Amino acid sequence: MENIDVLNTNDKVCIKDLVPLQGELKKRSQKDLDDLTADLLAKGQVSPFIIWEEPSTKLKYILDGHGRYQAYMRMAIADSKILVLPRPAVYIKAKDLAEAKELLLHIDMRYGKMTAGGVQSFIADLPKFDPSTLRLPMPKAVAVKPVNAPAVPEVSTHKIIRIKVPVYQEAQILNILKSCSFIEVV
C-alpha cells in the first residue's frame, strides 16, 4: 500500500454524523476510556478524526478516532450538544470500503489494544489483506463456540427492551448503549 491520499486536511465533522468502522477490532478498558475522556476535557481534541466518506451514501466512516468517538458519546449522555459541535477531521481517499478498512488497520492506535481474534474477524471479508504486515500474533485458527442464551429468571431486576433506530445510525446507538456500564446489549 502506498501513501494515503488526503482529500481535505482542514475540515470539521459533527460526532452525530460519524459511523464507527472498527467494530470489535480493538478492546478498550474502562480505564482507557476514562483516561481519554479526561484528556479530551483537559486538552481538547488535539488530533483530527480521519474519515472516509462513502461516495454513494455519503456516510462518514471513522478510520482513526474510535476512542475519541466513544469518549464523546459518553460525554453526550450528560450534554447532547457534544454531538453537534464541529470537530477537526481529515478526509482520505479510498476506492471502496475494503480499501478503507485496510487503511484503518495501518493507522497508529494509542488507546486500547487490537486483539488477534478481533483482527481476524475484522479482516474476514478482506481476502487479499496480509495480516502479517501488522506484526501481531495471529492465531492459527479460531474456534467459534455457539452462545446459548441464558435462561431468563422468573423474577428479574432487569427489563429487556426493543428500540427502533434508522439503519444508518445503528452502530452509533449501539456504541452509546455499550458505553453505559449498567446496560447490556443482547
C-alpha atoms as a PDB file:
ATOM      1  CA  MET A   1       0.000   0.000   0.000  1.00  0.00           C
ATOM      2  CA  GLU A   2       1.349   3.404  -0.920  1.00  0.00           C
ATOM      3  CA  ASN A   3       0.906   6.705   0.879  1.00  0.00           C
ATOM      4  CA  ILE A   4      -2.611   7.601   1.946  1.00  0.00           C
ATOM      5  CA  ASP A   5      -4.242  10.172  -0.343  1.00  0.00           C
ATOM      6  CA  VAL A   6      -5.657  13.027   1.716  1.00  0.00           C
ATOM      7  CA  LEU A   7      -8.657  14.785   0.209  1.00  0.00           C
ATOM      8  CA  ASN A   8      -9.187  17.534   2.754  1.00  0.00           C
ATOM      9  CA  THR A   9      -6.972  18.491   5.674  1.00  0.00           C
ATOM     10  CA  ASN A  10      -8.881  21.404   7.190  1.00  0.00           C
ATOM     11  CA  ASP A  11     -12.432  20.170   7.627  1.00  0.00           C
ATOM     12  CA  LYS A  12     -14.824  19.731  10.525  1.00  0.00           C
ATOM     13  CA  VAL A  13     -17.325  16.983  11.305  1.00  0.00           C
ATOM     14  CA  CYS A  14     -20.032  16.548  13.937  1.00  0.00           C
ATOM     15  CA  ILE A  15     -19.944  13.436  16.108  1.00  0.00           C
ATOM     16  CA  LYS A  16     -23.596  12.712  15.216  1.00  0.00           C
ATOM     17  CA  ASP A  17     -22.588  12.295  11.559  1.00  0.00           C
ATOM     18  CA  LEU A  18     -19.864   9.704  12.148  1.00  0.00           C
ATOM     19  CA  VAL A  19     -20.154   5.952  11.628  1.00  0.00           C
ATOM     20  CA  PRO A  20     -17.699   3.730  13.508  1.00  0.00           C
ATOM     21  CA  LEU A  21     -15.938   1.256  11.224  1.00  0.00           C
ATOM     22  CA  GLN A  22     -13.762  -0.542  13.742  1.00  0.00           C
ATOM     23  CA  GLY A  23     -16.387  -2.797  15.346  1.00  0.00           C
ATOM     24  CA  GLU A  24     -14.807  -5.196  17.837  1.00  0.00           C
ATOM     25  CA  LEU A  25     -11.344  -4.853  16.276  1.00  0.00           C
ATOM     26  CA  LYS A  26      -9.835  -3.299  19.373  1.00  0.00           C
ATOM     27  CA  LYS A  27     -10.831  -3.555  23.017  1.00  0.00           C
ATOM     28  CA  ARG A  28     -10.686  -0.539  25.295  1.00  0.00           C
ATOM     29  CA  SER A  29     -10.783  -0.895  29.035  1.00  0.00           C
ATOM     30  CA  GLN A  30     -12.861   1.388  31.214  1.00  0.00           C
ATOM     31  CA  LYS A  31      -9.572   2.996  32.275  1.00  0.00           C
ATOM     32  CA  ASP A  32      -8.631   3.618  28.614  1.00  0.00           C
ATOM     33  CA  LEU A  33     -11.923   5.442  28.067  1.00  0.00           C
ATOM     34  CA  ASP A  34     -11.685   7.312  31.374  1.00  0.00           C
ATOM     35  CA  ASP A  35      -8.136   8.464  30.525  1.00  0.00           C
ATOM     36  CA  LEU A  36      -9.114   9.503  27.024  1.00  0.00           C
ATOM     37  CA  THR A  37     -12.206  11.364  28.262  1.00  0.00           C
ATOM     38  CA  ALA A  38     -10.097  13.206  30.845  1.00  0.00           C
ATOM     39  CA  ASP A  39      -7.530  14.035  28.160  1.00  0.00           C
ATOM     40  CA  LEU A  40     -10.218  15.452  25.839  1.00  0.00           C
ATOM     41  CA  LEU A  41     -11.692  17.517  28.667  1.00  0.00           C
ATOM     42  CA  ALA A  42      -8.285  18.834  29.749  1.00  0.00           C
ATOM     43  CA  LYS A  43      -6.625  19.485  26.367  1.00  0.00           C
ATOM     44  CA  GLY A  44      -9.408  19.321  23.799  1.00  0.00           C
ATOM     45  CA  GLN A  45      -9.134  17.296  20.635  1.00  0.00           C
ATOM     46  CA  VAL A  46      -5.513  17.577  19.526  1.00  0.00           C
ATOM     47  CA  SER A  47      -5.723  15.032  16.725  1.00  0.00           C
ATOM     48  CA  PRO A  48      -8.334  15.112  13.944  1.00  0.00           C
ATOM     49  CA  PHE A  49     -10.685  12.299  13.112  1.00  0.00           C
ATOM     50  CA  ILE A  50      -9.583  10.502   9.969  1.00  0.00           C
ATOM     51  CA  ILE A  51     -12.663   9.916   7.864  1.00  0.00           C
ATOM     52  CA  TRP A  52     -13.569   8.077   4.689  1.00  0.00           C
ATOM     53  CA  GLU A  53     -16.804   9.227   3.090  1.00  0.00           C
ATOM     54  CA  GLU A  54     -18.609   6.547   1.120  1.00  0.00           C
ATOM     55  CA  PRO A  55     -19.370   8.205  -2.253  1.00  0.00           C
ATOM     56  CA  SER A  56     -22.891   6.919  -2.888  1.00  0.00           C
ATOM     57  CA  THR A  57     -24.366   7.081   0.640  1.00  0.00           C
ATOM     58  CA  LYS A  58     -22.230   9.974   1.946  1.00  0.00           C
ATOM     59  CA  LEU A  59     -21.769   8.044   5.206  1.00  0.00           C
ATOM     60  CA  LYS A  60     -18.703   9.291   7.083  1.00  0.00           C
ATOM     61  CA  TYR A  61     -16.774   6.271   8.382  1.00  0.00           C
ATOM     62  CA  ILE A  62     -14.196   6.740  11.139  1.00  0.00           C
ATOM     63  CA  LEU A  63     -10.799   5.283  10.220  1.00  0.00           C
ATOM     64  CA  ASP A  64      -8.998   6.842  13.166  1.00  0.00           C
ATOM     65  CA  GLY A  65     -10.662   8.297  16.221  1.00  0.00           C
ATOM     66  CA  HIS A  66     -12.866   5.477  17.520  1.00  0.00           C
ATOM     67  CA  GLY A  67     -11.685   6.043  21.086  1.00  0.00           C
ATOM     68  CA  ARG A  68     -12.379   9.769  20.823  1.00  0.00           C
ATOM     69  CA  TYR A  69     -15.761   8.953  19.319  1.00  0.00           C
ATOM     70  CA  GLN A  70     -16.589   6.647  22.258  1.00  0.00           C
ATOM     71  CA  ALA A  71     -15.428   9.281  24.762  1.00  0.00           C
ATOM     72  CA  TYR A  72     -17.549  11.983  23.098  1.00  0.00           C
ATOM     73  CA  MET A  73     -20.561   9.662  23.063  1.00  0.00           C
ATOM     74  CA  ARG A  74     -20.112   9.111  26.805  1.00  0.00           C
ATOM     75  CA  MET A  75     -19.879  12.870  27.356  1.00  0.00           C
ATOM     76  CA  ALA A  76     -23.005  13.370  25.229  1.00  0.00           C
ATOM     77  CA  ILE A  77     -25.070  11.453  27.774  1.00  0.00           C
ATOM     78  CA  ALA A  78     -24.631  14.461  30.086  1.00  0.00           C
ATOM     79  CA  ASP A  79     -24.544  17.131  27.354  1.00  0.00           C
ATOM     80  CA  SER A  80     -26.082  16.312  23.975  1.00  0.00           C
ATOM     81  CA  LYS A  81     -24.589  19.475  22.420  1.00  0.00           C
ATOM     82  CA  ILE A  82     -21.346  17.493  22.192  1.00  0.00           C
ATOM     83  CA  LEU A  83     -22.882  15.620  19.246  1.00  0.00           C
ATOM     84  CA  VAL A  84     -23.325  18.734  17.080  1.00  0.00           C
ATOM     85  CA  LEU A  85     -20.130  20.670  17.822  1.00  0.00           C
ATOM     86  CA  PRO A  86     -17.769  20.663  14.806  1.00  0.00           C
ATOM     87  CA  ARG A  87     -14.600  18.630  15.400  1.00  0.00           C
ATOM     88  CA  PRO A  88     -11.382  18.579  13.337  1.00  0.00           C
ATOM     89  CA  ALA A  89     -11.374  15.978  10.577  1.00  0.00           C
ATOM     90  CA  VAL A  90      -9.182  14.847   7.729  1.00  0.00           C
ATOM     91  CA  TYR A  91     -10.844  13.094   4.809  1.00  0.00           C
ATOM     92  CA  ILE A  92      -8.884  10.430   2.998  1.00  0.00           C
ATOM     93  CA  LYS A  93      -9.375   8.729  -0.332  1.00  0.00           C
ATOM     94  CA  ALA A  94     -10.228   5.048  -0.631  1.00  0.00           C
ATOM     95  CA  LYS A  95     -11.794   3.359  -3.642  1.00  0.00           C
ATOM     96  CA  ASP A  96     -14.200   1.271  -1.533  1.00  0.00           C
ATOM     97  CA  LEU A  97     -14.999   0.012   1.944  1.00  0.00           C
ATOM     98  CA  ALA A  98     -12.440  -2.800   1.721  1.00  0.00           C
ATOM     99  CA  GLU A  99      -9.633  -0.330   0.990  1.00  0.00           C
ATOM    100  CA  ALA A 100     -10.874   1.952   3.790  1.00  0.00           C
ATOM    101  CA  LYS A 101     -10.766  -0.993   6.213  1.00  0.00           C
ATOM    102  CA  GLU A 102      -7.216  -1.820   5.133  1.00  0.00           C
ATOM    103  CA  LEU A 103      -6.200   1.789   5.770  1.00  0.00           C
ATOM    104  CA  LEU A 104      -7.749   1.610   9.235  1.00  0.00           C
ATOM    105  CA  LEU A 105      -5.537  -1.372  10.058  1.00  0.00           C
ATOM    106  CA  HIS A 106      -2.401   0.604   9.264  1.00  0.00           C
ATOM    107  CA  ILE A 107      -3.222   3.683  11.321  1.00  0.00           C
ATOM    108  CA  ASP A 108      -1.490   4.009  14.690  1.00  0.00           C
ATOM    109  CA  MET A 109      -3.830   3.483  17.657  1.00  0.00           C
ATOM    110  CA  ARG A 110      -2.893   4.656  21.175  1.00  0.00           C
ATOM    111  CA  TYR A 111      -5.813   3.951  23.486  1.00  0.00           C
ATOM    112  CA  GLY A 112      -6.713   0.273  23.562  1.00  0.00           C
ATOM    113  CA  LYS A 113      -5.285  -2.860  22.067  1.00  0.00           C
ATOM    114  CA  MET A 114      -6.050  -4.809  18.953  1.00  0.00           C
ATOM    115  CA  THR A 115      -6.638  -8.454  19.647  1.00  0.00           C
ATOM    116  CA  ALA A 116      -5.724 -11.242  17.267  1.00  0.00           C
ATOM    117  CA  GLY A 117      -9.298 -12.532  17.272  1.00  0.00           C
ATOM    118  CA  GLY A 118     -10.648  -9.020  16.673  1.00  0.00           C
ATOM    119  CA  VAL A 119      -8.251  -8.527  13.750  1.00  0.00           C
ATOM    120  CA  GLN A 120      -9.166 -11.907  12.297  1.00  0.00           C
ATOM    121  CA  SER A 121     -12.882 -11.090  12.488  1.00  0.00           C
ATOM    122  CA  PHE A 122     -12.342  -7.604  11.054  1.00  0.00           C
ATOM    123  CA  ILE A 123     -10.350  -8.801   8.035  1.00  0.00           C
ATOM    124  CA  ALA A 124     -12.580 -11.817   7.282  1.00  0.00           C
ATOM    125  CA  ASP A 125     -14.012 -10.035   4.228  1.00  0.00           C
ATOM    126  CA  LEU A 126     -10.617  -8.784   3.028  1.00  0.00           C
ATOM    127  CA  PRO A 127      -9.186 -11.875   1.307  1.00  0.00           C
ATOM    128  CA  LYS A 128      -6.260 -10.006  -0.263  1.00  0.00           C
ATOM    129  CA  PHE A 129      -5.083  -8.435   3.012  1.00  0.00           C
ATOM    130  CA  ASP A 130      -1.934  -9.891   4.579  1.00  0.00           C
ATOM    131  CA  PRO A 131      -2.286  -9.656   8.396  1.00  0.00           C
ATOM    132  CA  SER A 132       1.443 -10.274   8.886  1.00  0.00           C
ATOM    133  CA  THR A 133       2.015  -6.633   7.852  1.00  0.00           C
ATOM    134  CA  LEU A 134       0.527  -5.645  11.243  1.00  0.00           C
ATOM    135  CA  ARG A 135       3.153  -7.547  13.221  1.00  0.00           C
ATOM    136  CA  LEU A 136       0.525  -9.006  15.562  1.00  0.00           C
ATOM    137  CA  PRO A 137       0.498 -12.561  16.840  1.00  0.00           C
ATOM    138  CA  MET A 138      -2.307 -14.202  14.886  1.00  0.00           C
ATOM    139  CA  PRO A 139      -3.968 -17.424  15.974  1.00  0.00           C
ATOM    140  CA  LYS A 140      -3.682 -20.368  13.597  1.00  0.00           C
ATOM    141  CA  ALA A 141      -7.432 -20.939  13.796  1.00  0.00           C
ATOM    142  CA  VAL A 142     -10.198 -19.517  15.877  1.00  0.00           C
ATOM    143  CA  ALA A 143     -12.772 -21.929  17.210  1.00  0.00           C
ATOM    144  CA  VAL A 144     -16.213 -20.428  17.344  1.00  0.00           C
ATOM    145  CA  LYS A 145     -18.397 -21.759  20.127  1.00  0.00           C
ATOM    146  CA  PRO A 146     -22.154 -21.330  19.927  1.00  0.00           C
ATOM    147  CA  VAL A 147     -23.557 -19.000  22.535  1.00  0.00           C
ATOM    148  CA  ASN A 148     -26.582 -20.271  24.391  1.00  0.00           C
ATOM    149  CA  ALA A 149     -28.903 -17.567  25.637  1.00  0.00           C
ATOM    150  CA  PRO A 150     -29.113 -17.590  29.426  1.00  0.00           C
ATOM    151  CA  ALA A 151     -32.393 -18.642  30.928  1.00  0.00           C
ATOM    152  CA  VAL A 152     -34.500 -15.662  31.922  1.00  0.00           C
ATOM    153  CA  PRO A 153     -35.294 -15.799  35.644  1.00  0.00           C
ATOM    154  CA  GLU A 154     -38.947 -15.662  36.638  1.00  0.00           C
ATOM    155  CA  VAL A 155     -38.321 -12.585  38.784  1.00  0.00           C
ATOM    156  CA  SER A 156     -35.815 -10.136  37.364  1.00  0.00           C
ATOM    157  CA  THR A 157     -34.438  -6.762  38.311  1.00  0.00           C
ATOM    158  CA  HIS A 158     -33.772  -6.104  34.649  1.00  0.00           C
ATOM    159  CA  LYS A 159     -36.041  -5.455  31.711  1.00  0.00           C
ATOM    160  CA  ILE A 160     -35.342  -6.302  28.078  1.00  0.00           C
ATOM    161  CA  ILE A 161     -36.420  -3.529  25.744  1.00  0.00           C
ATOM    162  CA  ARG A 162     -36.512  -3.192  21.969  1.00  0.00           C
ATOM    163  CA  ILE A 163     -35.748   0.027  20.178  1.00  0.00           C
ATOM    164  CA  LYS A 164     -36.230   1.042  16.569  1.00  0.00           C
ATOM    165  CA  VAL A 165     -33.472   3.163  15.016  1.00  0.00           C
ATOM    166  CA  PRO A 166     -32.561   4.149  11.464  1.00  0.00           C
ATOM    167  CA  VAL A 167     -30.232   1.547   9.940  1.00  0.00           C
ATOM    168  CA  TYR A 168     -27.515   4.102   9.233  1.00  0.00           C
ATOM    169  CA  GLN A 169     -27.403   5.082  12.933  1.00  0.00           C
ATOM    170  CA  GLU A 170     -27.477   1.583  14.399  1.00  0.00           C
ATOM    171  CA  ALA A 171     -23.729   1.495  15.123  1.00  0.00           C
ATOM    172  CA  GLN A 172     -23.834   4.897  16.842  1.00  0.00           C
ATOM    173  CA  ILE A 173     -26.747   3.879  19.062  1.00  0.00           C
ATOM    174  CA  LEU A 174     -25.071   0.568  19.937  1.00  0.00           C
ATOM    175  CA  ASN A 175     -21.879   2.420  20.902  1.00  0.00           C
ATOM    176  CA  ILE A 176     -23.825   4.775  23.153  1.00  0.00           C
ATOM    177  CA  LEU A 177     -25.591   1.857  24.817  1.00  0.00           C
ATOM    178  CA  LYS A 178     -22.386  -0.170  25.193  1.00  0.00           C
ATOM    179  CA  SER A 179     -20.631   2.792  26.825  1.00  0.00           C
ATOM    180  CA  CYS A 180     -23.142   2.682  29.700  1.00  0.00           C
ATOM    181  CA  SER A 181     -21.882   0.244  32.323  1.00  0.00           C
ATOM    182  CA  PHE A 182     -25.400  -0.580  33.511  1.00  0.00           C
ATOM    183  CA  ILE A 183     -26.713  -1.601  30.067  1.00  0.00           C
ATOM    184  CA  GLU A 184     -26.134  -4.988  28.493  1.00  0.00           C
ATOM    185  CA  VAL A 185     -26.820  -5.173  24.766  1.00  0.00           C
ATOM    186  CA  VAL A 186     -28.324  -8.595  23.997  1.00  0.00           C
END
